[in-house]
Amino acid sequence: MGSNSAQMVLKACFLFAVFATLSTSLATLQVGFYQHTCPQAEAIVRRTVAKAFSRDHGVTGGLIRMHFHDCFVRGCDASILLDSLPGIDSEKMSPVNNPSLRGYEVIDEAKSTLEHHCPQTVSCADIIAFAARDSAFVSGGIDYQVPSGRRDGRVSLAPEVLENLPPPTFNADQLKARFLEKGLSAEEMVTLSGAHSIGVSHCSSFNTRLYNFHNVTHAQDPSMDPSFAAYLKTRCPPPSMDNRVDPIAPLDFSTPNRLDNEYYKNLKRNRGLLTSDQTLMSDRSTANMVNNNARHGSYWAAKFGEAMVRMGSIDVLTGSQGEIRKRCGVVNYY
């Protein structure tokens, strides 16, 4: 067998194993898992998210992002919530998550209420999944059923974040490969990228597109709409050693607090904020997906719910695996 044929066989075996694992996870989780043990569980989380949204519309983008950051590192096991231990930084302390990731207080409030009603029954991992769904609902009217039954992990290591999460500098091929490693297709990657319709990004994540794109040919990324770049420069000064703060900018300037398909329309206008956003228009297959999502908002919304369910099933702990934490920030001690 030639080397190319051998590589194709190995790749096929890898893909089969990844998708078989994800399918098993989906079969293990169950919609209405807490129907008998804590029937008010999902309603409690939804009320908590709605209350937080009424105070701060920006929190929903943080909660959806938290679900993504949790699932891509060690699977959907709430490892993102664990506090650091002496000498061991947790995922919270990774520069990817600290200080930008938000919404921890919403999860803690929901957990506290659930512990009062149903002690040590509802996992923190499921609370994150419910909160992400409820964030999509209050900010965009997107609703879907969340299979539950996840259990919480006991390990959280900061270095694993950079090893697993795609950085904002990835191109389309790199994004497709990283999502495929997690059992998600290119279509699901493009669909989930629509979550960038809400939330914010620190200027440091895209400043090179404005000021130092290419030392020889371009100071500014030529794929960015010039008027959009000019506006961003009013919010994001050139990076320097004197900068004491890292300003933020909305990921979607059109409808920054509404989860909708404006994100894809912005990409068609060359107004994607991050390299990993605008790159979706540089690849023929992903560009076609962007165009379809831009034209059909309800079609994208339905796909978004389905893709969130798929993502929420990555490497889950179920049955007797892991634990149900009493508090989301620390493991149980017996």
C-alpha atoms as a PDB file:
ATOM      1  CA  MET A   1       0.000   0.000   0.000  1.00  0.00           C
ATOM      2  CA  GLY A   2       1.389   3.447  -0.980  1.00  0.00           C
ATOM      3  CA  SER A   3       2.041   6.164   1.572  1.00  0.00           C
ATOM      4  CA  ASN A   4      -0.898   8.275   0.350  1.00  0.00           C
ATOM      5  CA  SER A   5      -3.281   5.329   0.598  1.00  0.00           C
ATOM      6  CA  ALA A   6      -2.032   4.490   4.066  1.00  0.00           C
ATOM      7  CA  GLN A   7      -2.543   8.081   5.181  1.00  0.00           C
ATOM      8  CA  MET A   8      -6.097   8.057   3.806  1.00  0.00           C
ATOM      9  CA  VAL A   9      -6.880   4.853   5.684  1.00  0.00           C
ATOM     10  CA  LEU A  10      -5.450   6.242   8.918  1.00  0.00           C
ATOM     11  CA  LYS A  11      -7.428   9.463   8.478  1.00  0.00           C
ATOM     12  CA  ALA A  12     -10.637   7.501   7.840  1.00  0.00           C
ATOM     13  CA  CYS A  13     -10.050   5.411  10.960  1.00  0.00           C
ATOM     14  CA  PHE A  14      -9.425   8.554  12.999  1.00  0.00           C
ATOM     15  CA  LEU A  15     -12.621  10.206  11.758  1.00  0.00           C
ATOM     16  CA  PHE A  16     -14.638   7.073  12.447  1.00  0.00           C
ATOM     17  CA  ALA A  17     -13.314   6.912  16.007  1.00  0.00           C
ATOM     18  CA  VAL A  18     -14.037  10.608  16.651  1.00  0.00           C
ATOM     19  CA  PHE A  19     -17.589  10.522  15.363  1.00  0.00           C
ATOM     20  CA  ALA A  20     -18.314   7.155  16.997  1.00  0.00           C
ATOM     21  CA  THR A  21     -17.264   8.625  20.349  1.00  0.00           C
ATOM     22  CA  LEU A  22     -19.438  11.691  19.838  1.00  0.00           C
ATOM     23  CA  SER A  23     -22.429   9.559  18.790  1.00  0.00           C
ATOM     24  CA  THR A  24     -22.020   7.436  21.927  1.00  0.00           C
ATOM     25  CA  SER A  25     -21.990  10.590  24.058  1.00  0.00           C
ATOM     26  CA  LEU A  26     -25.177  11.830  22.419  1.00  0.00           C
ATOM     27  CA  ALA A  27     -26.847   8.497  23.112  1.00  0.00           C
ATOM     28  CA  THR A  28     -25.760   8.600  26.776  1.00  0.00           C
ATOM     29  CA  LEU A  29     -27.116  12.068  27.499  1.00  0.00           C
ATOM     30  CA  GLN A  30     -30.865  12.436  27.779  1.00  0.00           C
ATOM     31  CA  VAL A  31     -33.350  15.270  27.327  1.00  0.00           C
ATOM     32  CA  GLY A  32     -35.232  15.672  30.604  1.00  0.00           C
ATOM     33  CA  PHE A  33     -32.564  13.868  32.612  1.00  0.00           C
ATOM     34  CA  TYR A  34     -33.653  15.655  35.810  1.00  0.00           C
ATOM     35  CA  GLN A  35     -37.373  15.133  35.255  1.00  0.00           C
ATOM     36  CA  HIS A  36     -37.742  13.033  38.407  1.00  0.00           C
ATOM     37  CA  THR A  37     -34.734  14.025  40.531  1.00  0.00           C
ATOM     38  CA  CYS A  38     -34.990  17.813  40.107  1.00  0.00           C
ATOM     39  CA  PRO A  39     -37.896  18.712  37.796  1.00  0.00           C
ATOM     40  CA  GLN A  40     -37.422  22.479  38.217  1.00  0.00           C
ATOM     41  CA  ALA A  41     -33.720  22.381  37.287  1.00  0.00           C
ATOM     42  CA  GLU A  42     -33.916  23.876  33.793  1.00  0.00           C
ATOM     43  CA  ALA A  43     -36.503  26.475  34.840  1.00  0.00           C
ATOM     44  CA  ILE A  44     -34.237  27.655  37.654  1.00  0.00           C
ATOM     45  CA  VAL A  45     -31.298  28.113  35.288  1.00  0.00           C
ATOM     46  CA  ARG A  46     -33.468  29.909  32.727  1.00  0.00           C
ATOM     47  CA  ARG A  47     -34.782  32.353  35.345  1.00  0.00           C
ATOM     48  CA  THR A  48     -31.258  33.023  36.567  1.00  0.00           C
ATOM     49  CA  VAL A  49     -29.998  33.759  33.049  1.00  0.00           C
ATOM     50  CA  ALA A  50     -32.996  35.974  32.265  1.00  0.00           C
ATOM     51  CA  LYS A  51     -32.401  37.978  35.450  1.00  0.00           C
ATOM     52  CA  ALA A  52     -28.701  38.399  34.635  1.00  0.00           C
ATOM     53  CA  PHE A  53     -29.579  39.465  31.059  1.00  0.00           C
ATOM     54  CA  SER A  54     -31.970  42.125  32.363  1.00  0.00           C
ATOM     55  CA  ARG A  55     -29.067  43.636  34.312  1.00  0.00           C
ATOM     56  CA  ASP A  56     -26.380  43.206  31.651  1.00  0.00           C
ATOM     57  CA  HIS A  57     -27.121  42.217  28.058  1.00  0.00           C
ATOM     58  CA  GLY A  58     -23.466  41.351  27.483  1.00  0.00           C
ATOM     59  CA  VAL A  59     -23.468  38.396  29.873  1.00  0.00           C
ATOM     60  CA  THR A  60     -25.152  36.058  27.383  1.00  0.00           C
ATOM     61  CA  GLY A  61     -22.223  36.191  24.973  1.00  0.00           C
ATOM     62  CA  GLY A  62     -19.972  35.275  27.870  1.00  0.00           C
ATOM     63  CA  LEU A  63     -22.070  32.268  28.858  1.00  0.00           C
ATOM     64  CA  ILE A  64     -22.183  30.872  25.322  1.00  0.00           C
ATOM     65  CA  ARG A  65     -18.427  31.371  25.048  1.00  0.00           C
ATOM     66  CA  MET A  66     -17.957  29.667  28.436  1.00  0.00           C
ATOM     67  CA  HIS A  67     -19.726  26.537  27.133  1.00  0.00           C
ATOM     68  CA  PHE A  68     -17.435  26.489  24.091  1.00  0.00           C
ATOM     69  CA  HIS A  69     -14.296  27.006  26.174  1.00  0.00           C
ATOM     70  CA  ASP A  70     -15.365  24.282  28.579  1.00  0.00           C
ATOM     71  CA  CYS A  71     -16.185  21.660  25.970  1.00  0.00           C
ATOM     72  CA  PHE A  72     -13.012  22.117  23.901  1.00  0.00           C
ATOM     73  CA  VAL A  73     -10.778  21.476  26.913  1.00  0.00           C
ATOM     74  CA  ARG A  74     -11.253  18.041  28.557  1.00  0.00           C
ATOM     75  CA  GLY A  75     -14.794  17.871  27.200  1.00  0.00           C
ATOM     76  CA  CYS A  76     -17.946  19.376  28.701  1.00  0.00           C
ATOM     77  CA  ASP A  77     -17.071  18.685  32.352  1.00  0.00           C
ATOM     78  CA  ALA A  78     -17.163  22.178  33.937  1.00  0.00           C
ATOM     79  CA  SER A  79     -13.372  22.195  34.279  1.00  0.00           C
ATOM     80  CA  ILE A  80     -13.580  25.843  33.184  1.00  0.00           C
ATOM     81  CA  LEU A  81     -15.182  26.664  36.558  1.00  0.00           C
ATOM     82  CA  LEU A  82     -12.566  25.179  38.884  1.00  0.00           C
ATOM     83  CA  ASP A  83     -10.407  27.562  40.892  1.00  0.00           C
ATOM     84  CA  SER A  84      -6.624  27.243  40.892  1.00  0.00           C
ATOM     85  CA  LEU A  85      -4.830  25.145  43.475  1.00  0.00           C
ATOM     86  CA  PRO A  86      -1.547  26.084  45.176  1.00  0.00           C
ATOM     87  CA  GLY A  87       1.079  25.909  42.453  1.00  0.00           C
ATOM     88  CA  ILE A  88      -1.418  24.754  39.805  1.00  0.00           C
ATOM     89  CA  ASP A  89      -3.210  27.316  37.644  1.00  0.00           C
ATOM     90  CA  SER A  90      -6.650  26.238  36.458  1.00  0.00           C
ATOM     91  CA  GLU A  91      -8.213  26.959  33.053  1.00  0.00           C
ATOM     92  CA  LYS A  92      -9.641  30.167  34.492  1.00  0.00           C
ATOM     93  CA  MET A  93      -6.125  31.596  34.696  1.00  0.00           C
ATOM     94  CA  SER A  94      -5.145  30.962  31.079  1.00  0.00           C
ATOM     95  CA  PRO A  95      -4.597  34.256  29.207  1.00  0.00           C
ATOM     96  CA  VAL A  96      -7.350  33.100  26.855  1.00  0.00           C
ATOM     97  CA  ASN A  97      -9.867  33.143  29.713  1.00  0.00           C
ATOM     98  CA  ASN A  98      -8.493  35.673  32.174  1.00  0.00           C
ATOM     99  CA  PRO A  99      -9.758  38.341  32.385  1.00  0.00           C
ATOM    100  CA  SER A 100     -12.012  38.134  29.318  1.00  0.00           C
ATOM    101  CA  LEU A 101     -14.268  35.179  30.131  1.00  0.00           C
ATOM    102  CA  ARG A 102     -17.361  36.193  32.055  1.00  0.00           C
ATOM    103  CA  GLY A 103     -20.571  34.787  33.510  1.00  0.00           C
ATOM    104  CA  TYR A 104     -19.137  32.787  36.418  1.00  0.00           C
ATOM    105  CA  GLU A 105     -21.427  34.555  38.880  1.00  0.00           C
ATOM    106  CA  VAL A 106     -24.502  33.460  36.897  1.00  0.00           C
ATOM    107  CA  ILE A 107     -23.479  29.820  37.086  1.00  0.00           C
ATOM    108  CA  ASP A 108     -22.735  30.164  40.806  1.00  0.00           C
ATOM    109  CA  GLU A 109     -26.141  31.738  41.475  1.00  0.00           C
ATOM    110  CA  ALA A 110     -27.955  28.999  39.582  1.00  0.00           C
ATOM    111  CA  LYS A 111     -25.938  26.318  41.379  1.00  0.00           C
ATOM    112  CA  SER A 112     -26.695  27.836  44.793  1.00  0.00           C
ATOM    113  CA  THR A 113     -30.434  27.832  44.071  1.00  0.00           C
ATOM    114  CA  LEU A 114     -30.322  24.279  42.742  1.00  0.00           C
ATOM    115  CA  GLU A 115     -28.408  23.055  45.796  1.00  0.00           C
ATOM    116  CA  HIS A 116     -31.178  24.493  47.971  1.00  0.00           C
ATOM    117  CA  HIS A 117     -33.901  22.680  46.019  1.00  0.00           C
ATOM    118  CA  CYS A 118     -32.045  19.521  44.922  1.00  0.00           C
ATOM    119  CA  PRO A 119     -28.803  19.017  46.858  1.00  0.00           C
ATOM    120  CA  GLN A 120     -25.892  17.525  44.873  1.00  0.00           C
ATOM    121  CA  THR A 121     -28.108  16.490  41.973  1.00  0.00           C
ATOM    122  CA  VAL A 122     -27.515  18.856  39.040  1.00  0.00           C
ATOM    123  CA  SER A 123     -23.967  19.011  37.694  1.00  0.00           C
ATOM    124  CA  CYS A 124     -22.148  22.257  37.015  1.00  0.00           C
ATOM    125  CA  ALA A 125     -21.457  20.956  33.495  1.00  0.00           C
ATOM    126  CA  ASP A 126     -25.194  20.696  32.819  1.00  0.00           C
ATOM    127  CA  ILE A 127     -25.786  24.148  34.284  1.00  0.00           C
ATOM    128  CA  ILE A 128     -23.303  25.597  31.772  1.00  0.00           C
ATOM    129  CA  ALA A 129     -25.065  23.801  28.905  1.00  0.00           C
ATOM    130  CA  PHE A 130     -28.498  25.009  30.067  1.00  0.00           C
ATOM    131  CA  ALA A 131     -27.205  28.561  30.578  1.00  0.00           C
ATOM    132  CA  ALA A 132     -25.740  28.661  27.065  1.00  0.00           C
ATOM    133  CA  ARG A 133     -29.066  27.533  25.596  1.00  0.00           C
ATOM    134  CA  ASP A 134     -30.970  30.074  27.680  1.00  0.00           C
ATOM    135  CA  SER A 135     -28.537  32.802  26.627  1.00  0.00           C
ATOM    136  CA  ALA A 136     -29.273  31.994  22.984  1.00  0.00           C
ATOM    137  CA  PHE A 137     -32.986  32.251  23.789  1.00  0.00           C
ATOM    138  CA  VAL A 138     -33.020  35.594  25.620  1.00  0.00           C
ATOM    139  CA  SER A 139     -30.599  37.247  23.183  1.00  0.00           C
ATOM    140  CA  GLY A 140     -31.854  35.761  19.930  1.00  0.00           C
ATOM    141  CA  GLY A 141     -35.032  33.753  20.422  1.00  0.00           C
ATOM    142  CA  ILE A 142     -33.115  30.562  19.601  1.00  0.00           C
ATOM    143  CA  ASP A 143     -34.393  27.621  21.630  1.00  0.00           C
ATOM    144  CA  TYR A 144     -33.455  23.961  21.563  1.00  0.00           C
ATOM    145  CA  GLN A 145     -33.597  20.930  23.819  1.00  0.00           C
ATOM    146  CA  VAL A 146     -30.442  20.168  25.793  1.00  0.00           C
ATOM    147  CA  PRO A 147     -29.661  16.508  26.503  1.00  0.00           C
ATOM    148  CA  SER A 148     -28.246  16.342  30.023  1.00  0.00           C
ATOM    149  CA  GLY A 149     -26.688  13.913  32.455  1.00  0.00           C
ATOM    150  CA  ARG A 150     -23.137  15.276  32.343  1.00  0.00           C
ATOM    151  CA  ARG A 151     -20.980  14.919  35.416  1.00  0.00           C
ATOM    152  CA  ASP A 152     -18.232  17.221  36.607  1.00  0.00           C
ATOM    153  CA  GLY A 153     -14.519  16.628  36.187  1.00  0.00           C
ATOM    154  CA  ARG A 154     -11.899  17.039  38.893  1.00  0.00           C
ATOM    155  CA  VAL A 155      -8.964  18.385  36.848  1.00  0.00           C
ATOM    156  CA  SER A 156      -8.381  21.832  35.358  1.00  0.00           C
ATOM    157  CA  LEU A 157      -4.997  22.861  33.922  1.00  0.00           C
ATOM    158  CA  ALA A 158      -4.288  26.265  32.365  1.00  0.00           C
ATOM    159  CA  PRO A 159      -1.771  25.041  29.714  1.00  0.00           C
ATOM    160  CA  GLU A 160      -4.422  22.786  28.162  1.00  0.00           C
ATOM    161  CA  VAL A 161      -6.469  25.807  27.092  1.00  0.00           C
ATOM    162  CA  LEU A 162      -3.957  27.038  24.505  1.00  0.00           C
ATOM    163  CA  GLU A 163      -3.424  23.453  23.356  1.00  0.00           C
ATOM    164  CA  ASN A 164      -7.111  22.943  22.533  1.00  0.00           C
ATOM    165  CA  LEU A 165      -8.885  26.218  21.790  1.00  0.00           C
ATOM    166  CA  PRO A 166      -8.455  27.703  18.302  1.00  0.00           C
ATOM    167  CA  PRO A 167      -6.743  31.122  18.532  1.00  0.00           C
ATOM    168  CA  PRO A 168      -8.175  34.197  16.765  1.00  0.00           C
ATOM    169  CA  THR A 169      -5.322  34.030  14.234  1.00  0.00           C
ATOM    170  CA  PHE A 170      -6.313  30.648  12.732  1.00  0.00           C
ATOM    171  CA  ASN A 171      -7.156  30.419   9.041  1.00  0.00           C
ATOM    172  CA  ALA A 172     -10.036  28.400   7.618  1.00  0.00           C
ATOM    173  CA  ASP A 173      -8.069  25.170   7.162  1.00  0.00           C
ATOM    174  CA  GLN A 174      -6.708  25.341  10.700  1.00  0.00           C
ATOM    175  CA  LEU A 175     -10.188  25.975  12.090  1.00  0.00           C
ATOM    176  CA  LYS A 176     -11.649  23.034  10.191  1.00  0.00           C
ATOM    177  CA  ALA A 177      -8.883  20.768  11.460  1.00  0.00           C
ATOM    178  CA  ARG A 178      -9.263  21.856  15.101  1.00  0.00           C
ATOM    179  CA  PHE A 179     -13.041  21.399  15.070  1.00  0.00           C
ATOM    180  CA  LEU A 180     -12.662  18.037  13.360  1.00  0.00           C
ATOM    181  CA  GLU A 181     -10.411  16.929  16.221  1.00  0.00           C
ATOM    182  CA  LYS A 182     -13.399  17.536  18.481  1.00  0.00           C
ATOM    183  CA  GLY A 183     -15.765  15.624  16.223  1.00  0.00           C
ATOM    184  CA  LEU A 184     -17.377  18.682  14.649  1.00  0.00           C
ATOM    185  CA  SER A 185     -17.744  19.255  10.915  1.00  0.00           C
ATOM    186  CA  ALA A 186     -16.777  22.314   8.880  1.00  0.00           C
ATOM    187  CA  GLU A 187     -20.482  23.156   8.598  1.00  0.00           C
ATOM    188  CA  GLU A 188     -20.823  23.036  12.383  1.00  0.00           C
ATOM    189  CA  MET A 189     -17.696  25.161  12.765  1.00  0.00           C
ATOM    190  CA  VAL A 190     -19.123  27.889  10.527  1.00  0.00           C
ATOM    191  CA  THR A 191     -22.510  27.628  12.247  1.00  0.00           C
ATOM    192  CA  LEU A 192     -21.040  27.949  15.742  1.00  0.00           C
ATOM    193  CA  SER A 193     -18.900  30.885  14.626  1.00  0.00           C
ATOM    194  CA  GLY A 194     -22.189  32.785  14.412  1.00  0.00           C
ATOM    195  CA  ALA A 195     -22.022  33.077  18.204  1.00  0.00           C
ATOM    196  CA  HIS A 196     -19.707  36.012  17.444  1.00  0.00           C
ATOM    197  CA  SER A 197     -22.883  37.915  16.685  1.00  0.00           C
ATOM    198  CA  ILE A 198     -22.787  38.853  20.393  1.00  0.00           C
ATOM    199  CA  GLY A 199     -20.014  39.516  22.857  1.00  0.00           C
ATOM    200  CA  VAL A 200     -16.815  41.512  22.700  1.00  0.00           C
ATOM    201  CA  SER A 201     -13.138  41.015  21.969  1.00  0.00           C
ATOM    202  CA  HIS A 202     -10.068  42.700  23.405  1.00  0.00           C
ATOM    203  CA  CYS A 203      -8.163  44.829  20.900  1.00  0.00           C
ATOM    204  CA  SER A 204      -5.061  42.705  21.439  1.00  0.00           C
ATOM    205  CA  SER A 205      -6.825  39.847  19.622  1.00  0.00           C
ATOM    206  CA  PHE A 206      -6.985  41.750  16.329  1.00  0.00           C
ATOM    207  CA  ASN A 207      -4.601  44.730  16.615  1.00  0.00           C
ATOM    208  CA  THR A 208      -2.118  43.183  14.192  1.00  0.00           C
ATOM    209  CA  ARG A 209      -4.796  43.476  11.493  1.00  0.00           C
ATOM    210  CA  LEU A 210      -4.817  47.244  12.050  1.00  0.00           C
ATOM    211  CA  TYR A 211      -1.195  48.193  12.635  1.00  0.00           C
ATOM    212  CA  ASN A 212       1.296  45.449  11.891  1.00  0.00           C
ATOM    213  CA  PHE A 213      -0.226  43.061   9.388  1.00  0.00           C
ATOM    214  CA  HIS A 214       2.800  42.653   7.116  1.00  0.00           C
ATOM    215  CA  ASN A 215       6.065  44.521   7.551  1.00  0.00           C
ATOM    216  CA  VAL A 216       6.762  44.765   3.808  1.00  0.00           C
ATOM    217  CA  THR A 217       3.531  44.875   1.827  1.00  0.00           C
ATOM    218  CA  HIS A 218       0.704  45.971   4.133  1.00  0.00           C
ATOM    219  CA  ALA A 219       0.537  47.751   7.469  1.00  0.00           C
ATOM    220  CA  GLN A 220      -3.188  46.948   7.562  1.00  0.00           C
ATOM    221  CA  ASP A 221      -4.985  43.736   6.643  1.00  0.00           C
ATOM    222  CA  PRO A 222      -6.214  44.288   3.051  1.00  0.00           C
ATOM    223  CA  SER A 223      -9.119  41.905   3.642  1.00  0.00           C
ATOM    224  CA  MET A 224     -10.648  44.399   6.135  1.00  0.00           C
ATOM    225  CA  ASP A 225     -13.013  47.110   4.927  1.00  0.00           C
ATOM    226  CA  PRO A 226     -10.971  50.352   5.174  1.00  0.00           C
ATOM    227  CA  SER A 227     -13.788  52.364   6.784  1.00  0.00           C
ATOM    228  CA  PHE A 228     -14.291  49.610   9.350  1.00  0.00           C
ATOM    229  CA  ALA A 229     -10.561  49.569  10.088  1.00  0.00           C
ATOM    230  CA  ALA A 230     -10.564  53.355  10.513  1.00  0.00           C
ATOM    231  CA  TYR A 231     -13.373  53.095  13.029  1.00  0.00           C
ATOM    232  CA  LEU A 232     -11.619  50.309  14.948  1.00  0.00           C
ATOM    233  CA  LYS A 233      -8.517  52.469  15.243  1.00  0.00           C
ATOM    234  CA  THR A 234     -10.575  55.026  17.165  1.00  0.00           C
ATOM    235  CA  ARG A 235     -11.292  52.338  19.749  1.00  0.00           C
ATOM    236  CA  CYS A 236      -7.988  50.502  19.678  1.00  0.00           C
ATOM    237  CA  PRO A 237      -4.813  52.621  19.831  1.00  0.00           C
ATOM    238  CA  PRO A 238      -1.556  51.236  18.450  1.00  0.00           C
ATOM    239  CA  PRO A 239      -0.091  48.735  20.895  1.00  0.00           C
ATOM    240  CA  SER A 240       2.817  50.001  22.950  1.00  0.00           C
ATOM    241  CA  MET A 241       4.620  49.315  26.180  1.00  0.00           C
ATOM    242  CA  ASP A 242       2.783  52.281  27.700  1.00  0.00           C
ATOM    243  CA  ASN A 243      -0.666  50.759  27.179  1.00  0.00           C
ATOM    244  CA  ARG A 244      -2.005  49.946  30.621  1.00  0.00           C
ATOM    245  CA  VAL A 245      -5.385  48.670  29.471  1.00  0.00           C
ATOM    246  CA  ASP A 246      -6.591  46.438  26.654  1.00  0.00           C
ATOM    247  CA  PRO A 247      -9.743  48.063  25.223  1.00  0.00           C
ATOM    248  CA  ILE A 248     -12.653  46.025  23.912  1.00  0.00           C
ATOM    249  CA  ALA A 249     -14.794  46.158  20.798  1.00  0.00           C
ATOM    250  CA  PRO A 250     -18.050  44.383  19.874  1.00  0.00           C
ATOM    251  CA  LEU A 251     -17.618  41.290  17.743  1.00  0.00           C
ATOM    252  CA  ASP A 252     -20.658  42.441  15.739  1.00  0.00           C
ATOM    253  CA  PHE A 253     -21.074  46.216  15.356  1.00  0.00           C
ATOM    254  CA  SER A 254     -24.473  45.880  13.634  1.00  0.00           C
ATOM    255  CA  THR A 255     -26.470  44.181  16.401  1.00  0.00           C
ATOM    256  CA  PRO A 256     -23.992  43.679  19.261  1.00  0.00           C
ATOM    257  CA  ASN A 257     -26.553  42.454  21.805  1.00  0.00           C
ATOM    258  CA  ARG A 258     -28.674  40.260  19.548  1.00  0.00           C
ATOM    259  CA  LEU A 259     -27.771  36.736  18.466  1.00  0.00           C
ATOM    260  CA  ASP A 260     -28.639  36.729  14.780  1.00  0.00           C
ATOM    261  CA  ASN A 261     -27.156  36.197  11.332  1.00  0.00           C
ATOM    262  CA  GLU A 262     -25.752  39.737  11.020  1.00  0.00           C
ATOM    263  CA  TYR A 263     -22.348  38.204  11.754  1.00  0.00           C
ATOM    264  CA  TYR A 264     -22.391  36.511   8.344  1.00  0.00           C
ATOM    265  CA  LYS A 265     -23.573  39.669   6.587  1.00  0.00           C
ATOM    266  CA  ASN A 266     -20.652  41.501   8.174  1.00  0.00           C
ATOM    267  CA  LEU A 267     -18.228  38.910   6.798  1.00  0.00           C
ATOM    268  CA  LYS A 268     -19.573  39.533   3.293  1.00  0.00           C
ATOM    269  CA  ARG A 269     -18.837  43.248   3.841  1.00  0.00           C
ATOM    270  CA  ASN A 270     -15.278  42.430   4.973  1.00  0.00           C
ATOM    271  CA  ARG A 271     -16.192  43.505   8.481  1.00  0.00           C
ATOM    272  CA  GLY A 272     -15.228  40.406  10.414  1.00  0.00           C
ATOM    273  CA  LEU A 273     -13.380  41.477  13.548  1.00  0.00           C
ATOM    274  CA  LEU A 274     -10.967  38.568  14.035  1.00  0.00           C
ATOM    275  CA  THR A 275      -8.771  36.825  11.485  1.00  0.00           C
ATOM    276  CA  SER A 276     -10.607  33.620  12.380  1.00  0.00           C
ATOM    277  CA  ASP A 277     -13.866  35.349  11.425  1.00  0.00           C
ATOM    278  CA  GLN A 278     -12.947  36.927   8.094  1.00  0.00           C
ATOM    279  CA  THR A 279     -11.000  33.842   6.993  1.00  0.00           C
ATOM    280  CA  LEU A 280     -14.305  32.046   6.493  1.00  0.00           C
ATOM    281  CA  MET A 281     -14.710  34.100   3.308  1.00  0.00           C
ATOM    282  CA  SER A 282     -11.296  33.074   1.983  1.00  0.00           C
ATOM    283  CA  ASP A 283     -12.215  29.395   1.554  1.00  0.00           C
ATOM    284  CA  ARG A 284     -14.703  28.466  -1.156  1.00  0.00           C
ATOM    285  CA  SER A 285     -16.588  25.871   0.858  1.00  0.00           C
ATOM    286  CA  THR A 286     -16.887  27.953   4.043  1.00  0.00           C
ATOM    287  CA  ALA A 287     -17.725  31.083   2.008  1.00  0.00           C
ATOM    288  CA  ASN A 288     -20.703  29.230   0.526  1.00  0.00           C
ATOM    289  CA  MET A 289     -21.846  28.385   4.055  1.00  0.00           C
ATOM    290  CA  VAL A 290     -21.451  32.012   5.110  1.00  0.00           C
ATOM    291  CA  ASN A 291     -23.548  33.151   2.141  1.00  0.00           C
ATOM    292  CA  ASN A 292     -26.315  30.669   2.956  1.00  0.00           C
ATOM    293  CA  ASN A 293     -26.390  31.715   6.607  1.00  0.00           C
ATOM    294  CA  ALA A 294     -26.458  35.391   5.631  1.00  0.00           C
ATOM    295  CA  ARG A 295     -29.470  34.800   3.369  1.00  0.00           C
ATOM    296  CA  HIS A 296     -31.455  32.501   5.653  1.00  0.00           C
ATOM    297  CA  GLY A 297     -31.471  33.610   9.277  1.00  0.00           C
ATOM    298  CA  SER A 298     -34.035  31.074  10.493  1.00  0.00           C
ATOM    299  CA  TYR A 299     -32.129  28.275   8.760  1.00  0.00           C
ATOM    300  CA  TRP A 300     -28.937  29.300  10.556  1.00  0.00           C
ATOM    301  CA  ALA A 301     -30.756  29.586  13.902  1.00  0.00           C
ATOM    302  CA  ALA A 302     -32.047  26.005  13.626  1.00  0.00           C
ATOM    303  CA  LYS A 303     -28.574  24.762  12.702  1.00  0.00           C
ATOM    304  CA  PHE A 304     -27.070  26.702  15.589  1.00  0.00           C
ATOM    305  CA  GLY A 305     -29.183  24.821  18.121  1.00  0.00           C
ATOM    306  CA  GLU A 306     -28.243  21.487  16.573  1.00  0.00           C
ATOM    307  CA  ALA A 307     -24.545  22.365  16.524  1.00  0.00           C
ATOM    308  CA  MET A 308     -24.653  23.479  20.168  1.00  0.00           C
ATOM    309  CA  VAL A 309     -26.095  20.089  21.117  1.00  0.00           C
ATOM    310  CA  ARG A 310     -23.307  18.352  19.203  1.00  0.00           C
ATOM    311  CA  MET A 311     -20.656  20.512  20.829  1.00  0.00           C
ATOM    312  CA  GLY A 312     -22.223  19.926  24.244  1.00  0.00           C
ATOM    313  CA  SER A 313     -21.600  16.203  23.874  1.00  0.00           C
ATOM    314  CA  ILE A 314     -17.824  16.339  23.445  1.00  0.00           C
ATOM    315  CA  ASP A 315     -16.063  13.863  25.762  1.00  0.00           C
ATOM    316  CA  VAL A 316     -18.753  14.067  28.452  1.00  0.00           C
ATOM    317  CA  LEU A 317     -18.523  12.249  31.782  1.00  0.00           C
ATOM    318  CA  THR A 318     -21.637  10.248  32.633  1.00  0.00           C
ATOM    319  CA  GLY A 319     -22.844   7.498  34.960  1.00  0.00           C
ATOM    320  CA  SER A 320     -20.349   6.973  37.773  1.00  0.00           C
ATOM    321  CA  GLN A 321     -17.597   9.045  36.120  1.00  0.00           C
ATOM    322  CA  GLY A 322     -16.507  12.279  37.742  1.00  0.00           C
ATOM    323  CA  GLU A 323     -18.779  13.764  40.402  1.00  0.00           C
ATOM    324  CA  ILE A 324     -21.587  16.226  41.061  1.00  0.00           C
ATOM    325  CA  ARG A 325     -19.831  19.184  42.643  1.00  0.00           C
ATOM    326  CA  LYS A 326     -21.426  20.854  45.644  1.00  0.00           C
ATOM    327  CA  ARG A 327     -19.805  24.128  44.585  1.00  0.00           C
ATOM    328  CA  CYS A 328     -18.726  24.728  41.021  1.00  0.00           C
ATOM    329  CA  GLY A 329     -15.365  26.267  41.857  1.00  0.00           C
ATOM    330  CA  VAL A 330     -13.966  23.368  43.872  1.00  0.00           C
ATOM    331  CA  VAL A 331     -13.997  19.573  43.725  1.00  0.00           C
ATOM    332  CA  ASN A 332     -15.742  17.637  46.458  1.00  0.00           C
ATOM    333  CA  TYR A 333     -13.700  16.443  49.414  1.00  0.00           C
ATOM    334  CA  TYR A 334     -14.839  13.340  51.246  1.00  0.00           C
END
